Amino acid sequence: MEQRTTVGIDLAKEVFAVCVMDAAGTVIERQRLRRAAFERWLQSLQGTCVVAMEACSSAHHWARLLAARGHTVRLITPAFVTPFRKSGKNDDHDAEAIAIAARQPTMRFVPVKTVEAQTILCWHRARQGWIEERSALITRLRGLLAEFGIVIARSADRLRKALPALTDDDTTLPPALRPLVLEAIEQLRALDARLERCDAEVAAHARSDPAAQRLRQVLGVGPLTSSAVVATVPNAQLFQNGRRFSAWLGITPRQHSSGGKTRLGRSTRRGDAYLRTLFVQGARSTLQSALRTEPAKASHLQRWIVALYQRKGYHKTLVAIANKHARIAWVLLARGENYDPNAWQRSARIERNAATA
């Protein structure tokens, strides 16, 4: 019987497609299994195989389960699997493409997250979702109240202050609509309480984790960003350097180079959109701080930010600061160092000494 070496699994909620290859890359087994049958099949998987899956929902759960059984797990970004799929998309082709992609020597894989990191990320995702729900509720209320000539200033705080007064009997709001406003007030308060709980959990993680504490030493990197980076990137050494980490976040220019000519365009915006958003938001506060600081008291980084802002404008400067923060974060995580704002002096001195040697 052929020896199983590579297993490609197309994950789903109920039906799982499996493609098994031998050492030569020949397909020796194909199956479509329901969830219960798939779990039994995994238990019967003998030996140690390279098991590959797309990095999607539930992938980290199955990866931890397979790794505990001694298998080598490879999680692949779905975009990297697409070029290996045959014409016509179906579960069997997807499983085979995953297995083929896992055998490529230059393929990059997604690290498997621990249960603790996954738990913290759940708090981040829930917080993000509840913020969207609160924004949608506020926008919906503004539209409904505008139908009755009630227009409130575009501020969430002003809307909260104005809503209780609308439930009084002396308002122009129809009596039948007042219960709806009361329910909206209760829902807003419930969402605010949930967000406060999320912020507390994230802040506690940022305070307790040593790596997150090092990241918070950088101006513009707060509890949200530090906690999310540490939970999303369990091992920063998987990236060769800070540039690769920044490119993974999607805050590097898109290349259209050919014939030895380098052409750079807009930022790629690939990778984790949540982390990229946090870095850009932190860049806003860093930019404002640099602009407010007196030139005589400004740090080397702040002087660079101000000069860049004067040359390139607001938005390009934000992306550049986010890129700089991402590279600094990689150094702090990969090397286990604390943030040193004067590290550039030592680097420049080493380069000068090497040039004059």
Protein backbone atom coordinates (compact mmCIF):
# COMPACT_ATOMS: atom_id res chain seq x y z
CA MET A 1 0.00 0.00 0.00
CA GLU A 2 1.29 3.45 -0.92
CA GLN A 3 2.58 5.51 1.96
CA ARG A 4 0.63 8.66 2.77
CA THR A 5 2.90 11.70 2.91
CA THR A 6 0.73 14.74 2.11
CA VAL A 7 -2.93 15.27 2.95
CA GLY A 8 -4.92 18.20 1.62
CA ILE A 9 -8.21 18.99 3.38
CA ASP A 10 -10.88 21.36 2.13
CA LEU A 11 -12.65 22.45 5.30
CA ALA A 12 -16.35 23.16 5.66
CA LYS A 13 -19.02 23.06 8.34
CA GLU A 14 -20.44 19.66 7.46
CA VAL A 15 -18.75 18.15 4.37
CA PHE A 16 -14.94 17.77 4.22
CA ALA A 17 -13.02 16.87 1.04
CA VAL A 18 -9.77 14.92 1.49
CA CYS A 19 -6.97 14.40 -1.02
CA VAL A 20 -4.05 12.11 -0.08
CA MET A 21 -0.75 11.98 -1.99
CA ASP A 22 2.29 9.75 -1.78
CA ALA A 23 5.95 10.78 -1.83
CA ALA A 24 5.90 11.17 -5.63
CA GLY A 25 2.89 13.50 -5.53
CA THR A 26 0.47 10.96 -6.95
CA VAL A 27 -3.10 11.09 -5.67
CA ILE A 28 -3.82 7.79 -3.93
CA GLU A 29 -7.04 8.63 -2.11
CA ARG A 30 -10.00 11.00 -2.44
CA GLN A 31 -12.94 11.21 -0.08
CA ARG A 32 -15.85 13.41 0.86
CA LEU A 33 -16.81 12.92 4.47
CA ARG A 34 -19.47 14.24 6.80
CA ARG A 35 -18.22 15.77 10.01
CA ALA A 36 -18.58 12.67 12.22
CA ALA A 37 -16.99 10.43 9.57
CA PHE A 38 -14.19 12.98 9.08
CA GLU A 39 -13.34 12.90 12.79
CA ARG A 40 -13.17 9.08 12.67
CA TRP A 41 -11.00 9.25 9.56
CA LEU A 42 -8.54 11.57 11.31
CA GLN A 43 -8.24 9.14 14.21
CA SER A 44 -7.42 6.33 11.76
CA LEU A 45 -4.72 8.39 10.00
CA GLN A 46 -1.58 6.39 10.72
CA GLY A 47 2.03 7.56 10.75
CA THR A 48 3.14 11.16 10.46
CA CYS A 49 1.89 13.14 7.47
CA VAL A 50 2.02 16.71 6.25
CA VAL A 51 -1.60 17.83 6.62
CA ALA A 52 -2.45 21.04 4.78
CA MET A 53 -5.53 23.22 5.04
CA GLU A 54 -6.55 26.71 4.05
CA ALA A 55 -6.29 29.25 6.84
CA CYS A 56 -10.02 29.79 7.27
CA SER A 57 -12.65 29.39 9.96
CA SER A 58 -12.00 26.39 12.28
CA ALA A 59 -8.61 25.73 10.63
CA HIS A 60 -6.65 26.44 13.82
CA HIS A 61 -8.87 24.05 15.79
CA TRP A 62 -8.17 21.18 13.41
CA ALA A 63 -4.51 22.16 13.22
CA ARG A 64 -4.08 21.91 16.99
CA LEU A 65 -5.88 18.56 17.00
CA LEU A 66 -3.68 17.13 14.24
CA ALA A 67 -0.47 18.53 15.72
CA ALA A 68 -1.29 16.81 19.01
CA ARG A 69 -1.38 13.52 17.09
CA GLY A 70 2.13 14.07 15.76
CA HIS A 71 1.33 15.31 12.26
CA THR A 72 3.00 18.29 10.61
CA VAL A 73 0.32 20.89 9.96
CA ARG A 74 0.51 23.51 7.21
CA LEU A 75 -2.02 26.34 7.03
CA ILE A 76 -2.00 28.18 3.71
CA THR A 77 -3.50 31.52 2.79
CA PRO A 78 -6.38 30.84 0.35
CA ALA A 79 -4.93 33.25 -2.22
CA PHE A 80 -1.81 31.08 -2.47
CA VAL A 81 -3.89 27.97 -3.20
CA THR A 82 -5.84 29.41 -6.13
CA PRO A 83 -3.03 29.11 -8.77
CA PHE A 84 -2.80 25.35 -8.12
CA ARG A 85 -6.51 24.64 -8.64
CA LYS A 86 -7.56 22.95 -11.84
CA SER A 87 -10.26 24.46 -14.04
CA GLY A 88 -13.61 24.31 -12.35
CA LYS A 89 -13.96 24.93 -8.66
CA ASN A 90 -15.27 22.12 -6.50
CA ASP A 91 -14.35 20.48 -3.20
CA ASP A 92 -12.16 17.79 -4.78
CA HIS A 93 -10.17 20.28 -6.83
CA ASP A 94 -9.74 22.50 -3.78
CA ALA A 95 -8.40 19.64 -1.65
CA GLU A 96 -5.97 18.61 -4.40
CA ALA A 97 -4.78 22.20 -4.88
CA ILE A 98 -4.15 22.51 -1.15
CA ALA A 99 -2.06 19.33 -1.16
CA ILE A 100 -0.05 20.51 -4.19
CA ALA A 101 0.54 23.96 -2.66
CA ALA A 102 1.79 22.42 0.58
CA ARG A 103 4.51 20.54 -1.35
CA GLN A 104 6.00 23.72 -2.85
CA PRO A 105 9.42 24.51 -1.33
CA THR A 106 8.88 28.28 -1.44
CA MET A 107 5.35 28.27 -0.01
CA ARG A 108 4.68 30.47 3.02
CA PHE A 109 2.49 29.14 5.79
CA VAL A 110 0.32 30.65 8.50
CA PRO A 111 1.42 29.84 12.07
CA VAL A 112 -1.04 27.87 14.16
CA LYS A 113 -2.54 29.94 16.95
CA THR A 114 -2.78 28.69 20.51
CA VAL A 115 -6.05 28.50 22.42
CA GLU A 116 -5.04 31.53 24.50
CA ALA A 117 -4.24 33.65 21.43
CA GLN A 118 -7.47 32.58 19.76
CA THR A 119 -9.42 33.56 22.88
CA ILE A 120 -7.96 37.08 22.94
CA LEU A 121 -8.67 37.49 19.23
CA CYS A 122 -12.29 36.53 19.89
CA TRP A 123 -12.58 39.51 22.22
CA HIS A 124 -11.08 41.72 19.49
CA ARG A 125 -13.47 40.40 16.84
CA ALA A 126 -16.49 40.73 19.13
CA ARG A 127 -15.48 44.30 19.96
CA GLN A 128 -15.15 45.13 16.28
CA GLY A 129 -18.56 43.65 15.52
CA TRP A 130 -20.30 45.46 18.36
CA ILE A 131 -18.80 48.77 17.27
CA GLU A 132 -20.31 48.18 13.83
CA GLU A 133 -23.67 47.31 15.41
CA ARG A 134 -23.61 50.47 17.51
CA SER A 135 -22.75 52.64 14.51
CA ALA A 136 -25.55 51.02 12.50
CA LEU A 137 -28.04 51.60 15.32
CA ILE A 138 -27.08 55.26 15.66
CA THR A 139 -27.31 55.81 11.90
CA ARG A 140 -30.69 54.07 11.77
CA LEU A 141 -32.03 56.21 14.61
CA ARG A 142 -30.90 59.42 12.93
CA GLY A 143 -32.72 58.46 9.76
CA LEU A 144 -35.93 57.53 11.57
CA LEU A 145 -35.98 60.70 13.68
CA ALA A 146 -35.29 62.88 10.63
CA GLU A 147 -38.62 61.69 9.18
CA PHE A 148 -40.30 63.63 11.99
CA GLY A 149 -38.17 66.75 11.67
CA ILE A 150 -35.86 65.84 14.56
CA VAL A 151 -32.23 66.35 13.52
CA ILE A 152 -29.47 65.85 16.07
CA ALA A 153 -25.87 66.93 15.66
CA ARG A 154 -23.55 64.30 14.18
CA SER A 155 -22.07 63.10 17.44
CA ALA A 156 -22.77 59.86 19.24
CA ASP A 157 -22.54 61.57 22.62
CA ARG A 158 -25.05 64.27 21.63
CA LEU A 159 -27.45 61.63 20.36
CA ARG A 160 -27.24 59.76 23.67
CA LYS A 161 -28.01 62.95 25.57
CA ALA A 162 -30.92 63.86 23.29
CA LEU A 163 -32.67 60.46 23.22
CA PRO A 164 -34.05 60.47 26.82
CA ALA A 165 -35.72 63.86 26.24
CA LEU A 166 -37.54 62.50 23.19
CA THR A 167 -39.55 60.12 25.34
CA ASP A 168 -41.28 62.97 27.22
CA ASP A 169 -44.91 63.79 26.53
CA ASP A 170 -44.18 67.35 25.40
CA THR A 171 -42.07 66.35 22.39
CA THR A 172 -43.19 66.31 18.76
CA LEU A 173 -42.41 62.63 18.55
CA PRO A 174 -45.56 60.49 18.03
CA PRO A 175 -46.51 58.55 21.20
CA ALA A 176 -46.43 55.24 19.31
CA LEU A 177 -42.77 55.83 18.43
CA ARG A 178 -41.57 56.51 21.99
CA PRO A 179 -41.32 52.80 22.98
CA LEU A 180 -39.01 52.30 20.01
CA VAL A 181 -36.75 55.09 21.26
CA LEU A 182 -36.69 53.54 24.74
CA GLU A 183 -35.65 50.19 23.28
CA ALA A 184 -32.94 51.92 21.26
CA ILE A 185 -31.64 53.58 24.45
CA GLU A 186 -31.49 50.20 26.19
CA GLN A 187 -29.70 48.63 23.24
CA LEU A 188 -27.14 51.45 23.13
CA ARG A 189 -26.44 51.03 26.83
CA ALA A 190 -26.06 47.28 26.41
CA LEU A 191 -23.62 47.72 23.53
CA ASP A 192 -21.62 50.28 25.51
CA ALA A 193 -21.39 47.84 28.42
CA ARG A 194 -20.21 45.03 26.13
CA LEU A 195 -17.56 47.27 24.60
CA GLU A 196 -16.33 48.28 28.04
CA ARG A 197 -15.97 44.60 28.94
CA CYS A 198 -14.02 43.96 25.74
CA ASP A 199 -11.73 46.91 26.42
CA ALA A 200 -11.10 45.63 29.94
CA GLU A 201 -10.19 42.13 28.71
CA VAL A 202 -7.89 43.48 26.00
CA ALA A 203 -6.22 45.92 28.40
CA ALA A 204 -5.64 43.12 30.93
CA HIS A 205 -3.96 41.02 28.24
CA ALA A 206 -1.80 43.95 27.12
CA ARG A 207 -0.66 44.52 30.72
CA SER A 208 0.10 40.87 31.49
CA ASP A 209 1.91 39.85 28.29
CA PRO A 210 5.65 40.80 28.22
CA ALA A 211 5.73 41.12 24.43
CA ALA A 212 2.71 43.42 24.45
CA GLN A 213 4.37 45.53 27.14
CA ARG A 214 7.40 46.04 24.90
CA LEU A 215 5.19 47.10 22.00
CA ARG A 216 3.41 49.67 24.15
CA GLN A 217 6.70 51.52 24.59
CA VAL A 218 6.27 52.81 21.04
CA LEU A 219 4.29 56.05 20.74
CA GLY A 220 1.07 55.32 18.84
CA VAL A 221 0.89 51.65 19.85
CA GLY A 222 -1.71 51.24 22.58
CA PRO A 223 -3.34 48.28 24.34
CA LEU A 224 -5.54 47.36 21.36
CA THR A 225 -2.70 47.25 18.84
CA SER A 226 -0.18 45.54 21.11
CA SER A 227 -2.66 42.89 22.21
CA ALA A 228 -3.86 42.19 18.67
CA VAL A 229 -0.32 41.92 17.26
CA VAL A 230 0.87 39.53 19.95
CA ALA A 231 -2.22 37.32 19.58
CA THR A 232 -2.11 37.30 15.78
CA VAL A 233 1.65 36.81 15.39
CA PRO A 234 2.78 34.18 17.92
CA ASN A 235 6.28 33.99 16.39
CA ALA A 236 7.61 37.08 14.64
CA GLN A 237 10.76 35.20 13.58
CA LEU A 238 8.69 33.51 10.88
CA PHE A 239 9.15 36.78 8.98
CA GLN A 240 12.65 37.31 7.62
CA ASN A 241 12.71 41.00 8.50
CA GLY A 242 10.51 43.95 9.31
CA ARG A 243 9.90 44.68 5.66
CA ARG A 244 8.34 41.26 5.18
CA PHE A 245 6.15 41.80 8.23
CA SER A 246 5.03 45.19 6.94
CA ALA A 247 4.28 43.69 3.53
CA TRP A 248 2.21 40.98 5.20
CA LEU A 249 0.13 43.74 6.81
CA GLY A 250 -0.47 45.37 3.43
CA ILE A 251 1.14 48.76 4.17
CA THR A 252 3.89 48.59 1.54
CA PRO A 253 3.66 49.91 -2.03
CA ARG A 254 2.32 47.66 -4.77
CA GLN A 255 4.98 46.88 -7.36
CA HIS A 256 4.55 47.08 -11.14
CA SER A 257 8.22 46.54 -11.97
CA SER A 258 9.55 45.17 -15.24
CA GLY A 259 12.71 45.33 -17.33
CA GLY A 260 14.83 46.41 -14.39
CA LYS A 261 12.64 49.45 -13.76
CA THR A 262 11.01 49.74 -10.34
CA ARG A 263 7.49 51.14 -10.34
CA LEU A 264 5.72 51.54 -7.03
CA GLY A 265 2.02 52.24 -6.66
CA ARG A 266 -0.47 52.45 -3.84
CA SER A 267 -0.29 50.29 -0.73
CA THR A 268 -1.29 46.69 -1.35
CA ARG A 269 -3.86 46.50 1.49
CA ARG A 270 -3.34 42.76 1.75
CA GLY A 271 -3.15 40.67 4.88
CA ASP A 272 -4.92 41.28 8.16
CA ALA A 273 -7.20 44.30 7.69
CA TYR A 274 -7.83 44.63 11.43
CA LEU A 275 -4.14 44.95 12.32
CA ARG A 276 -3.57 47.32 9.41
CA THR A 277 -6.41 49.54 10.62
CA LEU A 278 -5.00 49.63 14.15
CA PHE A 279 -1.54 50.62 12.91
CA VAL A 280 -2.99 53.41 10.76
CA GLN A 281 -5.11 54.70 13.65
CA GLY A 282 -2.02 54.73 15.85
CA ALA A 283 -0.18 56.61 13.12
CA ARG A 284 -2.76 59.40 13.34
CA SER A 285 -2.02 60.04 17.01
CA THR A 286 1.73 59.83 16.35
CA LEU A 287 1.46 62.39 13.57
CA GLN A 288 -0.55 64.81 15.70
CA SER A 289 1.93 64.44 18.55
CA ALA A 290 4.87 65.15 16.22
CA LEU A 291 3.17 68.26 14.80
CA ARG A 292 2.44 69.62 18.29
CA THR A 293 5.94 69.03 19.64
CA GLU A 294 8.37 71.95 19.53
CA PRO A 295 11.21 71.35 17.04
CA ALA A 296 13.87 71.75 19.74
CA LYS A 297 12.27 69.00 21.84
CA ALA A 298 11.29 66.67 19.01
CA SER A 299 12.86 63.23 18.73
CA HIS A 300 14.62 61.94 15.63
CA LEU A 301 11.49 60.02 14.60
CA GLN A 302 9.25 63.05 15.13
CA ARG A 303 11.52 65.27 13.00
CA TRP A 304 11.37 62.63 10.26
CA ILE A 305 7.57 62.57 10.50
CA VAL A 306 7.23 66.36 10.25
CA ALA A 307 9.59 66.54 7.26
CA LEU A 308 7.71 63.75 5.51
CA TYR A 309 4.37 65.42 6.23
CA GLN A 310 5.57 68.65 4.64
CA ARG A 311 6.73 66.80 1.50
CA LYS A 312 4.07 64.12 1.02
CA GLY A 313 0.94 65.31 2.79
CA TYR A 314 -1.36 63.76 5.36
CA HIS A 315 -2.43 60.37 3.99
CA LYS A 316 0.93 59.20 2.63
CA THR A 317 2.54 60.18 5.91
CA LEU A 318 0.05 58.04 7.83
CA VAL A 319 0.92 54.98 5.75
CA ALA A 320 4.64 55.67 6.16
CA ILE A 321 4.29 55.96 9.95
CA ALA A 322 2.25 52.74 10.09
CA ASN A 323 4.97 51.05 8.03
CA LYS A 324 7.63 52.34 10.42
CA HIS A 325 5.67 51.16 13.47
CA ALA A 326 5.23 47.70 11.93
CA ARG A 327 8.98 47.36 11.36
CA ILE A 328 9.74 48.52 14.89
CA ALA A 329 7.18 46.05 16.23
CA TRP A 330 8.88 43.22 14.34
CA VAL A 331 12.25 44.08 15.90
CA LEU A 332 10.80 44.20 19.40
CA LEU A 333 9.01 40.86 18.96
CA ALA A 334 11.59 38.92 16.94
CA ARG A 335 14.60 39.99 19.02
CA GLY A 336 12.91 40.38 22.39
CA GLU A 337 14.28 43.90 22.84
CA ASN A 338 12.84 46.99 24.47
CA TYR A 339 12.15 50.07 22.40
CA ASP A 340 15.13 52.41 22.13
CA PRO A 341 14.43 55.71 20.32
CA ASN A 342 18.20 56.30 19.95
CA ALA A 343 18.95 52.98 18.25
CA TRP A 344 19.36 54.79 14.91
CA GLN A 345 22.53 56.47 16.22
CA ARG A 346 24.25 53.15 16.88
CA SER A 347 23.18 51.81 13.50
CA ALA A 348 24.52 54.87 11.68
CA ARG A 349 27.77 54.73 13.65
CA ILE A 350 28.27 51.07 12.73
CA GLU A 351 27.72 51.84 9.04
CA ARG A 352 30.22 54.73 9.16
CA ASN A 353 32.83 52.61 10.90
CA ALA A 354 32.38 49.82 8.36
CA ALA A 355 32.76 52.27 5.48
CA THR A 356 35.98 53.81 6.82
CA ALA A 357 37.54 50.45 7.84
